[in-house]
């Protein structure tokens, strides 16, 4: 995804992405997996939680802070 597209994602779509990542994490934790995969998944969840916060601010008419 291009950077511009990421900033245009609606909160509902970001929640879907987060739901998928959480389900992936649950599967990863229940199987023998490399620690690097769990860490990558954790970082993805953190990233999308931040994007959700920004998207909700924009949706509510607030200006998100610059990274």
Protein backbone atom coordinates (compact mmCIF):
# COMPACT_ATOMS: atom_id res chain seq x y z
CA UNK A 1 0.00 0.00 0.00
CA UNK A 2 1.19 3.48 -0.78
CA UNK A 3 1.61 5.88 2.12
CA UNK A 4 -1.28 8.05 0.92
CA UNK A 5 -3.56 5.02 0.85
CA UNK A 6 -2.68 4.11 4.44
CA UNK A 7 -3.75 7.50 5.70
CA UNK A 8 -7.09 7.22 3.89
CA UNK A 9 -8.12 3.93 5.46
CA UNK A 10 -11.31 4.10 7.43
CA UNK A 11 -11.38 2.95 11.05
CA UNK A 12 -13.65 0.02 10.12
CA UNK A 13 -11.08 -1.33 7.66
CA UNK A 14 -8.26 -0.86 10.16
CA UNK A 15 -10.28 -2.80 12.74
CA UNK A 16 -10.62 -5.65 10.22
CA UNK A 17 -6.85 -5.66 9.73
CA UNK A 18 -6.34 -5.70 13.50
CA UNK A 19 -8.81 -8.55 13.91
CA UNK A 20 -6.89 -10.57 11.32
CA UNK A 21 -3.59 -9.85 13.05
CA UNK A 22 -4.97 -10.90 16.44
CA UNK A 23 -6.28 -14.16 14.97
CA UNK A 24 -2.88 -14.76 13.39
CA UNK A 25 -1.22 -14.14 16.75
CA UNK A 26 -3.50 -16.65 18.45
CA UNK A 27 -2.61 -19.27 15.84
CA UNK A 28 1.09 -18.45 16.13
CA UNK A 29 1.04 -18.78 19.91
CA UNK A 30 -0.63 -22.20 19.66
CA UNK A 31 2.00 -23.64 17.33
CA UNK A 32 5.75 -24.01 17.36
CA UNK A 33 6.92 -20.78 15.77
CA UNK A 34 10.00 -18.63 15.65
CA UNK A 35 10.14 -15.75 18.09
CA UNK A 36 10.83 -13.43 15.15
CA UNK A 37 7.39 -14.16 13.67
CA UNK A 38 5.65 -13.40 16.95
CA UNK A 39 7.61 -10.17 17.26
CA UNK A 40 6.74 -9.14 13.69
CA UNK A 41 3.10 -9.82 14.43
CA UNK A 42 3.27 -7.80 17.66
CA UNK A 43 4.85 -4.86 15.84
CA UNK A 44 2.17 -5.02 13.16
CA UNK A 45 -0.55 -4.90 15.80
CA UNK A 46 1.10 -1.88 17.46
CA UNK A 47 1.42 -0.13 14.09
CA UNK A 48 -2.24 -0.67 13.19
CA UNK A 49 -3.43 0.36 16.65
CA UNK A 50 -1.60 3.65 16.12
CA UNK A 51 -3.14 4.04 12.67
CA UNK A 52 -6.58 3.37 14.14
CA UNK A 53 -6.05 6.11 16.71
CA UNK A 54 -5.05 8.53 13.97
CA UNK A 55 -7.96 7.56 11.74
CA UNK A 56 -10.41 8.05 14.60
CA UNK A 57 -8.97 11.51 15.31
CA UNK A 58 -9.33 12.49 11.66
CA UNK A 59 -12.85 11.06 11.50
CA UNK A 60 -13.79 13.18 14.51
CA UNK A 61 -12.32 16.32 13.00
CA UNK A 62 -9.09 16.47 14.96
CA UNK A 63 -5.66 16.84 13.48
CA UNK A 64 -3.44 13.85 14.24
CA UNK A 65 0.08 14.53 15.46
CA UNK A 66 2.92 14.23 13.01
CA UNK A 67 5.16 11.18 13.39
